[in-house]
Amino acid sequence: MTTVDRAEARNEILALVNGYSDAIDRGDFDAVAELFRRGDFLVDGGRIPLRGDALGNWFRGQLVVYDDGTPRTSHVNPNVVVRVADDGRTASARTPLLVFQAVDGEIRCVFSGVYDDTFALGADGWHFNSRRSTTRLVGDLSAHLVAGRLGGATR
């Protein structure tokens, strides 16, 4: 795999990582479902793999959506580390996550965690193979999650 090929793969993978954050922030759970049509998003401590429409519906049941159709969030992924395998067909990424939310005229960080992702190269490009979310810090989620719940478990 050439340096150029590796850079192109990394750019496509970063587009997936950032596309997920953008879709969540827009409240577009159909776009989230599409991103995970072929890959599992592991919820409830990794015990439950969800993909496609099941994942989109899970987010619809978890996140508070406001009159503007969004959860009023900004998902920020600083310092994403992407590793493309030597064969150029698989990759992994470690993605730090900060979730900011604007409520009642204030912007605050309500969540900090990390995603561990795997990707595969298919005939139509790169796609998520799996995503595992690990929680690091949790703030006030009462305006972000339905009934203050995270992954179906009470905080």
C-alpha atoms as a PDB file:
ATOM      1  CA  MET A   1       0.000   0.000   0.000  1.00  0.00           C
ATOM      2  CA  THR A   2       1.486   3.333  -1.059  1.00  0.00           C
ATOM      3  CA  THR A   3       1.614   6.421   1.117  1.00  0.00           C
ATOM      4  CA  VAL A   4      -0.988   8.047  -1.131  1.00  0.00           C
ATOM      5  CA  ASP A   5      -3.306   5.019  -0.840  1.00  0.00           C
ATOM      6  CA  ARG A   6      -2.930   5.067   2.940  1.00  0.00           C
ATOM      7  CA  ALA A   7      -3.704   8.812   3.065  1.00  0.00           C
ATOM      8  CA  GLU A   8      -6.788   8.354   0.864  1.00  0.00           C
ATOM      9  CA  ALA A   9      -8.018   5.511   3.085  1.00  0.00           C
ATOM     10  CA  ARG A  10      -7.473   7.632   6.184  1.00  0.00           C
ATOM     11  CA  ASN A  11      -9.453  10.516   4.646  1.00  0.00           C
ATOM     12  CA  GLU A  12     -12.372   8.231   3.759  1.00  0.00           C
ATOM     13  CA  ILE A  13     -12.374   6.762   7.265  1.00  0.00           C
ATOM     14  CA  LEU A  14     -12.294  10.219   8.866  1.00  0.00           C
ATOM     15  CA  ALA A  15     -15.285  11.129   6.684  1.00  0.00           C
ATOM     16  CA  LEU A  16     -17.186   8.203   8.224  1.00  0.00           C
ATOM     17  CA  VAL A  17     -16.187   9.170  11.778  1.00  0.00           C
ATOM     18  CA  ASN A  18     -17.160  12.808  11.231  1.00  0.00           C
ATOM     19  CA  GLY A  19     -20.266  11.860   9.254  1.00  0.00           C
ATOM     20  CA  TYR A  20     -21.577   9.950  12.259  1.00  0.00           C
ATOM     21  CA  SER A  21     -21.076  12.940  14.576  1.00  0.00           C
ATOM     22  CA  ASP A  22     -22.719  15.271  12.066  1.00  0.00           C
ATOM     23  CA  ALA A  23     -25.710  12.953  11.586  1.00  0.00           C
ATOM     24  CA  ILE A  24     -26.294  12.664  15.349  1.00  0.00           C
ATOM     25  CA  ASP A  25     -26.014  16.440  15.791  1.00  0.00           C
ATOM     26  CA  ARG A  26     -28.557  16.993  12.980  1.00  0.00           C
ATOM     27  CA  GLY A  27     -30.917  14.416  14.496  1.00  0.00           C
ATOM     28  CA  ASP A  28     -30.685  12.401  11.275  1.00  0.00           C
ATOM     29  CA  PHE A  29     -31.005   8.894  12.686  1.00  0.00           C
ATOM     30  CA  ASP A  30     -31.688   7.480   9.217  1.00  0.00           C
ATOM     31  CA  ALA A  31     -28.190   8.629   8.199  1.00  0.00           C
ATOM     32  CA  VAL A  32     -26.774   6.968  11.328  1.00  0.00           C
ATOM     33  CA  ALA A  33     -28.607   3.772  10.376  1.00  0.00           C
ATOM     34  CA  GLU A  34     -27.122   3.950   6.881  1.00  0.00           C
ATOM     35  CA  LEU A  35     -23.582   4.389   8.233  1.00  0.00           C
ATOM     36  CA  PHE A  36     -24.056   1.189  10.236  1.00  0.00           C
ATOM     37  CA  ARG A  37     -25.930  -0.815   7.605  1.00  0.00           C
ATOM     38  CA  ARG A  38     -23.030  -3.327   7.480  1.00  0.00           C
ATOM     39  CA  GLY A  39     -21.417  -2.761  10.865  1.00  0.00           C
ATOM     40  CA  ASP A  40     -22.348  -3.168  14.502  1.00  0.00           C
ATOM     41  CA  PHE A  41     -22.643  -0.366  17.026  1.00  0.00           C
ATOM     42  CA  LEU A  42     -22.106  -2.089  20.357  1.00  0.00           C
ATOM     43  CA  VAL A  43     -24.407  -0.764  23.092  1.00  0.00           C
ATOM     44  CA  ASP A  44     -25.077  -1.687  26.706  1.00  0.00           C
ATOM     45  CA  GLY A  45     -21.423  -2.258  27.510  1.00  0.00           C
ATOM     46  CA  GLY A  46     -20.856  -4.045  24.211  1.00  0.00           C
ATOM     47  CA  ARG A  47     -23.371  -6.782  24.958  1.00  0.00           C
ATOM     48  CA  ILE A  48     -25.883  -5.693  22.336  1.00  0.00           C
ATOM     49  CA  PRO A  49     -24.786  -5.186  18.710  1.00  0.00           C
ATOM     50  CA  LEU A  50     -27.160  -2.971  16.731  1.00  0.00           C
ATOM     51  CA  ARG A  51     -27.015  -2.112  13.054  1.00  0.00           C
ATOM     52  CA  GLY A  52     -29.076  -0.386  10.406  1.00  0.00           C
ATOM     53  CA  ASP A  53     -32.648   0.582  11.244  1.00  0.00           C
ATOM     54  CA  ALA A  54     -32.435  -1.055  14.687  1.00  0.00           C
ATOM     55  CA  LEU A  55     -29.643   1.373  15.581  1.00  0.00           C
ATOM     56  CA  GLY A  56     -31.491   4.383  14.182  1.00  0.00           C
ATOM     57  CA  ASN A  57     -34.574   3.444  16.196  1.00  0.00           C
ATOM     58  CA  TRP A  58     -32.469   2.894  19.326  1.00  0.00           C
ATOM     59  CA  PHE A  59     -31.134   6.462  19.060  1.00  0.00           C
ATOM     60  CA  ARG A  60     -34.658   7.779  18.492  1.00  0.00           C
ATOM     61  CA  GLY A  61     -35.635   6.182  21.808  1.00  0.00           C
ATOM     62  CA  GLN A  62     -32.538   7.390  23.679  1.00  0.00           C
ATOM     63  CA  LEU A  63     -31.999  11.022  22.676  1.00  0.00           C
ATOM     64  CA  VAL A  64     -34.150  14.037  23.434  1.00  0.00           C
ATOM     65  CA  VAL A  65     -34.961  15.790  20.154  1.00  0.00           C
ATOM     66  CA  TYR A  66     -36.038  19.428  20.322  1.00  0.00           C
ATOM     67  CA  ASP A  67     -38.450  21.474  18.189  1.00  0.00           C
ATOM     68  CA  ASP A  68     -35.694  22.165  15.655  1.00  0.00           C
ATOM     69  CA  GLY A  69     -35.362  18.395  15.042  1.00  0.00           C
ATOM     70  CA  THR A  70     -31.944  18.144  16.688  1.00  0.00           C
ATOM     71  CA  PRO A  71     -30.620  17.084  20.089  1.00  0.00           C
ATOM     72  CA  ARG A  72     -28.905  20.518  20.288  1.00  0.00           C
ATOM     73  CA  THR A  73     -25.511  18.867  20.508  1.00  0.00           C
ATOM     74  CA  SER A  74     -22.074  19.178  19.016  1.00  0.00           C
ATOM     75  CA  HIS A  75     -20.074  15.950  18.942  1.00  0.00           C
ATOM     76  CA  VAL A  76     -16.373  16.791  18.812  1.00  0.00           C
ATOM     77  CA  ASN A  77     -13.793  14.153  17.880  1.00  0.00           C
ATOM     78  CA  PRO A  78     -10.330  15.540  18.639  1.00  0.00           C
ATOM     79  CA  ASN A  79      -7.140  13.634  17.856  1.00  0.00           C
ATOM     80  CA  VAL A  80      -8.598  10.687  15.932  1.00  0.00           C
ATOM     81  CA  VAL A  81      -5.964   8.008  15.396  1.00  0.00           C
ATOM     82  CA  VAL A  82      -6.510   5.877  12.268  1.00  0.00           C
ATOM     83  CA  ARG A  83      -4.453   2.773  11.520  1.00  0.00           C
ATOM     84  CA  VAL A  84      -4.797   1.223   8.082  1.00  0.00           C
ATOM     85  CA  ALA A  85      -3.657  -2.403   7.887  1.00  0.00           C
ATOM     86  CA  ASP A  86      -0.804  -3.273   5.552  1.00  0.00           C
ATOM     87  CA  ASP A  87      -3.219  -5.154   3.275  1.00  0.00           C
ATOM     88  CA  GLY A  88      -5.204  -1.924   2.758  1.00  0.00           C
ATOM     89  CA  ARG A  89      -8.514  -3.761   3.290  1.00  0.00           C
ATOM     90  CA  THR A  90      -9.108  -3.195   7.004  1.00  0.00           C
ATOM     91  CA  ALA A  91      -8.464  -0.394   9.466  1.00  0.00           C
ATOM     92  CA  SER A  92      -9.086   0.691  13.028  1.00  0.00           C
ATOM     93  CA  ALA A  93      -9.517   4.038  14.736  1.00  0.00           C
ATOM     94  CA  ARG A  94      -9.524   5.334  18.269  1.00  0.00           C
ATOM     95  CA  THR A  95     -11.765   8.387  18.451  1.00  0.00           C
ATOM     96  CA  PRO A  96     -11.984  10.578  21.542  1.00  0.00           C
ATOM     97  CA  LEU A  97     -15.449  12.074  21.995  1.00  0.00           C
ATOM     98  CA  LEU A  98     -16.743  15.206  23.695  1.00  0.00           C
ATOM     99  CA  VAL A  99     -20.461  15.974  23.539  1.00  0.00           C
ATOM    100  CA  PHE A 100     -21.470  19.582  24.089  1.00  0.00           C
ATOM    101  CA  GLN A 101     -25.111  20.573  24.438  1.00  0.00           C
ATOM    102  CA  ALA A 102     -26.837  23.966  24.336  1.00  0.00           C
ATOM    103  CA  VAL A 103     -29.752  24.184  26.751  1.00  0.00           C
ATOM    104  CA  ASP A 104     -31.356  27.245  28.359  1.00  0.00           C
ATOM    105  CA  GLY A 105     -28.768  29.595  26.881  1.00  0.00           C
ATOM    106  CA  GLU A 106     -25.774  27.625  28.160  1.00  0.00           C
ATOM    107  CA  ILE A 107     -23.349  25.356  26.363  1.00  0.00           C
ATOM    108  CA  ARG A 108     -21.880  22.604  28.491  1.00  0.00           C
ATOM    109  CA  CYS A 109     -19.979  19.375  28.024  1.00  0.00           C
ATOM    110  CA  VAL A 110     -22.329  16.546  29.020  1.00  0.00           C
ATOM    111  CA  PHE A 111     -20.283  13.518  28.002  1.00  0.00           C
ATOM    112  CA  SER A 112     -16.716  12.395  27.388  1.00  0.00           C
ATOM    113  CA  GLY A 113     -15.691   9.041  26.029  1.00  0.00           C
ATOM    114  CA  VAL A 114     -13.851   7.182  23.321  1.00  0.00           C
ATOM    115  CA  TYR A 115     -14.912   5.106  20.323  1.00  0.00           C
ATOM    116  CA  ASP A 116     -12.919   2.071  19.246  1.00  0.00           C
ATOM    117  CA  ASP A 117     -13.818   1.476  15.608  1.00  0.00           C
ATOM    118  CA  THR A 118     -13.021  -1.104  12.975  1.00  0.00           C
ATOM    119  CA  PHE A 119     -13.526  -0.581   9.253  1.00  0.00           C
ATOM    120  CA  ALA A 120     -13.504  -2.687   6.124  1.00  0.00           C
ATOM    121  CA  LEU A 121     -13.010  -1.797   2.475  1.00  0.00           C
ATOM    122  CA  GLY A 122     -15.842  -3.038   0.288  1.00  0.00           C
ATOM    123  CA  ALA A 123     -16.592  -2.716  -3.399  1.00  0.00           C
ATOM    124  CA  ASP A 124     -18.186   0.692  -2.765  1.00  0.00           C
ATOM    125  CA  GLY A 125     -15.557   2.041  -0.371  1.00  0.00           C
ATOM    126  CA  TRP A 126     -14.839   2.008   3.348  1.00  0.00           C
ATOM    127  CA  HIS A 127     -17.551   1.243   5.897  1.00  0.00           C
ATOM    128  CA  PHE A 128     -17.875   0.759   9.631  1.00  0.00           C
ATOM    129  CA  ASN A 129     -17.384  -2.824  10.725  1.00  0.00           C
ATOM    130  CA  SER A 130     -17.879  -2.117  14.439  1.00  0.00           C
ATOM    131  CA  ARG A 131     -17.969   0.686  16.992  1.00  0.00           C
ATOM    132  CA  ARG A 132     -17.571   0.255  20.741  1.00  0.00           C
ATOM    133  CA  SER A 133     -18.205   3.273  22.960  1.00  0.00           C
ATOM    134  CA  THR A 134     -16.449   3.616  26.308  1.00  0.00           C
ATOM    135  CA  THR A 135     -17.662   6.232  28.760  1.00  0.00           C
ATOM    136  CA  ARG A 136     -15.054   8.315  30.560  1.00  0.00           C
ATOM    137  CA  LEU A 137     -16.936  11.219  32.164  1.00  0.00           C
ATOM    138  CA  VAL A 138     -20.658  11.891  32.433  1.00  0.00           C
ATOM    139  CA  GLY A 139     -22.212  15.268  33.152  1.00  0.00           C
ATOM    140  CA  ASP A 140     -25.845  16.295  33.427  1.00  0.00           C
ATOM    141  CA  LEU A 141     -27.608  14.216  30.758  1.00  0.00           C
ATOM    142  CA  SER A 142     -31.139  15.173  31.828  1.00  0.00           C
ATOM    143  CA  ALA A 143     -31.645  17.409  28.751  1.00  0.00           C
ATOM    144  CA  HIS A 144     -29.910  14.987  26.390  1.00  0.00           C
ATOM    145  CA  LEU A 145     -31.154  11.483  27.162  1.00  0.00           C
ATOM    146  CA  VAL A 146     -34.729  10.341  27.613  1.00  0.00           C
ATOM    147  CA  ALA A 147     -35.319   9.875  31.358  1.00  0.00           C
ATOM    148  CA  GLY A 148     -31.580  10.507  31.975  1.00  0.00           C
ATOM    149  CA  ARG A 149     -30.769   7.019  30.685  1.00  0.00           C
ATOM    150  CA  LEU A 150     -27.549   5.935  28.998  1.00  0.00           C
ATOM    151  CA  GLY A 151     -27.640   2.781  26.882  1.00  0.00           C
ATOM    152  CA  GLY A 152     -30.819   1.643  28.573  1.00  0.00           C
ATOM    153  CA  ALA A 153     -29.263   1.675  32.048  1.00  0.00           C
ATOM    154  CA  THR A 154     -30.110   4.324  34.586  1.00  0.00           C
ATOM    155  CA  ARG A 155     -27.142   6.584  35.292  1.00  0.00           C
END
